[in-house]
Amino acid sequence: MRNLKIGKKKIKQYTVKDLMEILDISKVTALKLLNSSQLRSIRIGRQHWINEDDMIEFICGDRDRLAGTYEDVLKLRGRNPISRFILRRLLK
């Protein structure tokens, strides 16, 4: 994981290894998600970087619901126990 600062905005980015740990999936599954564009990433050389917003969008589903702040995301996570578990690991 790395933190980027662009102007006043702070962005967290995750690697494939971080993705594997957060979602508890294998490397093959993680790469399938990235290569099929189900999960957006930025590829620099051989390394994929996944923005935190894209990770939350993938876990929650619809991007329109994520237009608010992280408090809004935390309210959403109570609806689905699996999303709640994964988001708790991601946003800690």
N, C-alpha and C. Protein backbone atom coordinates (compact mmCIF):
# COMPACT_ATOMS: atom_id res chain seq x y z
N MET A 1 0.86 -1.18 0.00
CA MET A 1 0.00 0.00 0.00
C MET A 1 0.90 1.23 0.00
N ARG A 2 0.43 2.23 -0.71
CA ARG A 2 1.14 3.51 -0.69
C ARG A 2 0.12 4.63 -0.63
N ASN A 3 0.55 5.74 -0.07
CA ASN A 3 -0.29 6.93 0.02
C ASN A 3 0.27 7.99 -0.92
N LEU A 4 -0.62 8.53 -1.74
CA LEU A 4 -0.24 9.61 -2.65
C LEU A 4 -0.95 10.88 -2.20
N LYS A 5 -0.31 12.00 -2.41
CA LYS A 5 -0.92 13.28 -2.12
C LYS A 5 -0.90 14.10 -3.39
N ILE A 6 -2.08 14.38 -3.93
CA ILE A 6 -2.22 15.18 -5.13
C ILE A 6 -2.99 16.43 -4.74
N GLY A 7 -2.28 17.54 -4.63
CA GLY A 7 -2.89 18.75 -4.11
C GLY A 7 -3.27 18.54 -2.66
N LYS A 8 -4.54 18.72 -2.34
CA LYS A 8 -5.03 18.51 -0.98
C LYS A 8 -5.63 17.11 -0.79
N LYS A 9 -5.78 16.40 -1.89
CA LYS A 9 -6.42 15.08 -1.84
C LYS A 9 -5.38 13.99 -1.56
N LYS A 10 -5.71 13.10 -0.61
CA LYS A 10 -4.86 11.96 -0.30
C LYS A 10 -5.51 10.72 -0.90
N ILE A 11 -4.69 9.93 -1.58
CA ILE A 11 -5.18 8.72 -2.24
C ILE A 11 -4.38 7.53 -1.73
N LYS A 12 -5.10 6.48 -1.32
CA LYS A 12 -4.46 5.23 -0.95
C LYS A 12 -4.51 4.31 -2.16
N GLN A 13 -3.39 3.65 -2.44
CA GLN A 13 -3.34 2.69 -3.53
C GLN A 13 -2.84 1.36 -2.99
N TYR A 14 -3.43 0.29 -3.51
CA TYR A 14 -3.11 -1.05 -3.06
C TYR A 14 -2.48 -1.85 -4.18
N THR A 15 -1.62 -2.80 -3.83
CA THR A 15 -1.01 -3.70 -4.78
C THR A 15 -1.85 -4.97 -4.90
N VAL A 16 -1.45 -5.85 -5.79
CA VAL A 16 -2.15 -7.14 -5.93
C VAL A 16 -2.03 -7.94 -4.63
N LYS A 17 -0.89 -7.87 -3.99
CA LYS A 17 -0.71 -8.58 -2.72
C LYS A 17 -1.67 -8.06 -1.65
N ASP A 18 -1.83 -6.74 -1.58
CA ASP A 18 -2.78 -6.15 -0.64
C ASP A 18 -4.20 -6.60 -0.96
N LEU A 19 -4.53 -6.63 -2.25
CA LEU A 19 -5.85 -7.07 -2.69
C LEU A 19 -6.11 -8.51 -2.27
N MET A 20 -5.10 -9.35 -2.41
CA MET A 20 -5.23 -10.75 -2.01
C MET A 20 -5.52 -10.88 -0.52
N GLU A 21 -4.84 -10.08 0.29
CA GLU A 21 -5.02 -10.14 1.75
C GLU A 21 -6.38 -9.59 2.17
N ILE A 22 -6.79 -8.48 1.57
CA ILE A 22 -8.04 -7.84 1.96
C ILE A 22 -9.25 -8.70 1.59
N LEU A 23 -9.26 -9.21 0.36
CA LEU A 23 -10.40 -10.00 -0.11
C LEU A 23 -10.24 -11.49 0.19
N ASP A 24 -9.09 -11.89 0.68
CA ASP A 24 -8.79 -13.29 0.99
C ASP A 24 -9.00 -14.16 -0.25
N ILE A 25 -8.32 -13.80 -1.33
CA ILE A 25 -8.41 -14.53 -2.59
C ILE A 25 -7.00 -14.89 -3.06
N SER A 26 -6.93 -15.78 -4.05
CA SER A 26 -5.63 -16.18 -4.59
C SER A 26 -5.13 -15.14 -5.58
N LYS A 27 -3.86 -15.28 -5.95
CA LYS A 27 -3.26 -14.36 -6.91
C LYS A 27 -3.92 -14.50 -8.28
N VAL A 28 -4.25 -15.71 -8.66
CA VAL A 28 -4.89 -15.95 -9.95
C VAL A 28 -6.25 -15.25 -10.01
N THR A 29 -7.03 -15.36 -8.94
CA THR A 29 -8.34 -14.70 -8.88
C THR A 29 -8.18 -13.18 -8.92
N ALA A 30 -7.21 -12.66 -8.19
CA ALA A 30 -6.97 -11.21 -8.18
C ALA A 30 -6.61 -10.72 -9.58
N LEU A 31 -5.75 -11.44 -10.26
CA LEU A 31 -5.35 -11.03 -11.61
C LEU A 31 -6.51 -11.16 -12.61
N LYS A 32 -7.38 -12.15 -12.41
CA LYS A 32 -8.57 -12.27 -13.27
C LYS A 32 -9.48 -11.07 -13.09
N LEU A 33 -9.66 -10.62 -11.84
CA LEU A 33 -10.49 -9.45 -11.57
C LEU A 33 -9.92 -8.21 -12.26
N LEU A 34 -8.60 -8.07 -12.21
CA LEU A 34 -7.97 -6.90 -12.80
C LEU A 34 -7.96 -6.96 -14.32
N ASN A 35 -7.65 -8.11 -14.88
CA ASN A 35 -7.56 -8.25 -16.33
C ASN A 35 -8.93 -8.23 -17.01
N SER A 36 -9.98 -8.62 -16.29
CA SER A 36 -11.33 -8.59 -16.87
C SER A 36 -12.01 -7.24 -16.67
N SER A 37 -11.32 -6.29 -16.06
CA SER A 37 -11.83 -4.94 -15.78
C SER A 37 -13.01 -4.91 -14.82
N GLN A 38 -13.20 -5.96 -14.04
CA GLN A 38 -14.21 -5.92 -12.99
C GLN A 38 -13.76 -5.00 -11.86
N LEU A 39 -12.47 -4.93 -11.67
CA LEU A 39 -11.87 -4.05 -10.67
C LEU A 39 -10.87 -3.17 -11.41
N ARG A 40 -11.09 -1.87 -11.35
CA ARG A 40 -10.21 -0.94 -12.06
C ARG A 40 -8.86 -0.82 -11.37
N SER A 41 -7.83 -0.70 -12.19
CA SER A 41 -6.48 -0.53 -11.66
C SER A 41 -5.66 0.30 -12.64
N ILE A 42 -4.54 0.76 -12.14
CA ILE A 42 -3.57 1.47 -12.96
C ILE A 42 -2.37 0.55 -13.06
N ARG A 43 -1.93 0.31 -14.27
CA ARG A 43 -0.79 -0.58 -14.45
C ARG A 43 0.43 0.24 -14.80
N ILE A 44 1.45 0.12 -13.97
CA ILE A 44 2.71 0.81 -14.20
C ILE A 44 3.78 -0.28 -14.32
N GLY A 45 4.27 -0.48 -15.53
CA GLY A 45 5.19 -1.59 -15.77
C GLY A 45 4.47 -2.90 -15.58
N ARG A 46 4.94 -3.71 -14.66
CA ARG A 46 4.30 -4.99 -14.37
C ARG A 46 3.43 -4.93 -13.11
N GLN A 47 3.39 -3.80 -12.46
CA GLN A 47 2.68 -3.64 -11.18
C GLN A 47 1.31 -3.01 -11.39
N HIS A 48 0.29 -3.62 -10.80
CA HIS A 48 -1.05 -3.04 -10.78
C HIS A 48 -1.20 -2.24 -9.49
N TRP A 49 -1.79 -1.04 -9.59
CA TRP A 49 -2.12 -0.23 -8.43
C TRP A 49 -3.62 0.01 -8.44
N ILE A 50 -4.29 -0.32 -7.33
CA ILE A 50 -5.74 -0.19 -7.21
C ILE A 50 -6.03 0.96 -6.25
N ASN A 51 -6.77 1.97 -6.70
CA ASN A 51 -7.16 3.08 -5.83
C ASN A 51 -8.18 2.60 -4.81
N GLU A 52 -8.16 3.22 -3.63
CA GLU A 52 -9.08 2.85 -2.56
C GLU A 52 -10.54 3.04 -3.00
N ASP A 53 -10.84 4.11 -3.74
CA ASP A 53 -12.21 4.35 -4.20
C ASP A 53 -12.68 3.23 -5.13
N ASP A 54 -11.79 2.75 -5.99
CA ASP A 54 -12.15 1.65 -6.89
C ASP A 54 -12.37 0.36 -6.12
N MET A 55 -11.59 0.14 -5.07
CA MET A 55 -11.76 -1.05 -4.23
C MET A 55 -13.11 -1.01 -3.53
N ILE A 56 -13.47 0.14 -2.98
CA ILE A 56 -14.76 0.28 -2.29
C ILE A 56 -15.90 0.13 -3.27
N GLU A 57 -15.74 0.70 -4.46
CA GLU A 57 -16.77 0.57 -5.50
C GLU A 57 -16.98 -0.90 -5.86
N PHE A 58 -15.90 -1.66 -5.98
CA PHE A 58 -15.99 -3.07 -6.32
C PHE A 58 -16.71 -3.84 -5.22
N ILE A 59 -16.40 -3.54 -3.97
CA ILE A 59 -17.01 -4.26 -2.85
C ILE A 59 -18.48 -3.91 -2.70
N CYS A 60 -18.82 -2.63 -2.80
CA CYS A 60 -20.20 -2.18 -2.59
C CYS A 60 -21.07 -2.36 -3.82
N GLY A 61 -20.49 -2.29 -4.99
CA GLY A 61 -21.28 -2.44 -6.20
C GLY A 61 -21.41 -1.15 -6.97
N ASP A 62 -22.45 -0.39 -6.72
CA ASP A 62 -22.80 0.77 -7.53
C ASP A 62 -22.01 2.00 -7.12
N ARG A 63 -21.36 2.65 -8.09
CA ARG A 63 -20.56 3.86 -7.80
C ARG A 63 -21.44 5.04 -7.43
N ASP A 64 -22.67 5.11 -7.93
CA ASP A 64 -23.55 6.24 -7.61
C ASP A 64 -23.82 6.33 -6.12
N ARG A 65 -23.82 5.19 -5.43
CA ARG A 65 -24.07 5.21 -3.99
C ARG A 65 -22.87 5.74 -3.22
N LEU A 66 -21.71 5.83 -3.87
CA LEU A 66 -20.50 6.24 -3.18
C LEU A 66 -20.15 7.70 -3.40
N ALA A 67 -21.14 8.50 -3.78
CA ALA A 67 -20.88 9.90 -4.08
C ALA A 67 -20.57 10.71 -2.83
N GLY A 68 -20.88 10.22 -1.65
CA GLY A 68 -20.68 10.97 -0.42
C GLY A 68 -19.32 10.71 0.19
N THR A 69 -19.27 10.82 1.51
CA THR A 69 -18.03 10.66 2.25
C THR A 69 -17.88 9.22 2.72
N TYR A 70 -16.79 8.95 3.43
CA TYR A 70 -16.58 7.61 3.97
C TYR A 70 -17.64 7.24 5.01
N GLU A 71 -18.22 8.24 5.67
CA GLU A 71 -19.29 7.95 6.61
C GLU A 71 -20.47 7.31 5.88
N ASP A 72 -20.74 7.80 4.65
CA ASP A 72 -21.80 7.21 3.85
C ASP A 72 -21.48 5.76 3.50
N VAL A 73 -20.21 5.50 3.19
CA VAL A 73 -19.80 4.13 2.89
C VAL A 73 -19.97 3.25 4.11
N LEU A 74 -19.63 3.78 5.28
CA LEU A 74 -19.77 2.99 6.50
C LEU A 74 -21.24 2.69 6.80
N LYS A 75 -22.15 3.59 6.44
CA LYS A 75 -23.58 3.31 6.60
C LYS A 75 -24.01 2.19 5.67
N LEU A 76 -23.48 2.18 4.45
CA LEU A 76 -23.83 1.15 3.48
C LEU A 76 -23.34 -0.23 3.89
N ARG A 77 -22.23 -0.28 4.59
CA ARG A 77 -21.65 -1.59 4.87
C ARG A 77 -22.50 -2.42 5.84
N GLY A 78 -23.44 -1.80 6.52
CA GLY A 78 -24.29 -2.55 7.42
C GLY A 78 -25.33 -3.40 6.71
N ARG A 79 -25.52 -3.19 5.43
CA ARG A 79 -26.56 -3.90 4.68
C ARG A 79 -26.16 -5.32 4.33
N ASN A 80 -24.91 -5.56 4.05
CA ASN A 80 -24.45 -6.87 3.62
C ASN A 80 -23.33 -7.33 4.54
N PRO A 81 -23.48 -8.48 5.20
CA PRO A 81 -22.45 -8.90 6.15
C PRO A 81 -21.08 -9.15 5.51
N ILE A 82 -21.06 -9.61 4.27
CA ILE A 82 -19.79 -9.86 3.61
C ILE A 82 -19.10 -8.54 3.29
N SER A 83 -19.86 -7.58 2.75
CA SER A 83 -19.30 -6.25 2.49
C SER A 83 -18.84 -5.59 3.77
N ARG A 84 -19.62 -5.76 4.83
CA ARG A 84 -19.26 -5.16 6.12
C ARG A 84 -17.91 -5.72 6.60
N PHE A 85 -17.71 -7.02 6.47
CA PHE A 85 -16.47 -7.65 6.90
C PHE A 85 -15.28 -7.15 6.08
N ILE A 86 -15.44 -7.11 4.76
CA ILE A 86 -14.33 -6.70 3.89
C ILE A 86 -14.03 -5.22 4.06
N LEU A 87 -15.06 -4.37 4.14
CA LEU A 87 -14.84 -2.93 4.31
C LEU A 87 -14.19 -2.62 5.66
N ARG A 88 -14.55 -3.39 6.68
CA ARG A 88 -13.93 -3.18 7.99
C ARG A 88 -12.43 -3.43 7.89
N ARG A 89 -12.02 -4.45 7.13
CA ARG A 89 -10.61 -4.73 6.95
C ARG A 89 -9.93 -3.67 6.09
N LEU A 90 -10.66 -3.15 5.12
CA LEU A 90 -10.10 -2.16 4.20
C LEU A 90 -9.96 -0.80 4.85
N LEU A 91 -10.95 -0.36 5.60
CA LEU A 91 -10.99 1.01 6.13
C LEU A 91 -10.43 1.15 7.53
N LYS A 92 -9.79 0.12 8.06
CA LYS A 92 -9.25 0.24 9.42
C LYS A 92 -8.04 1.10 9.49
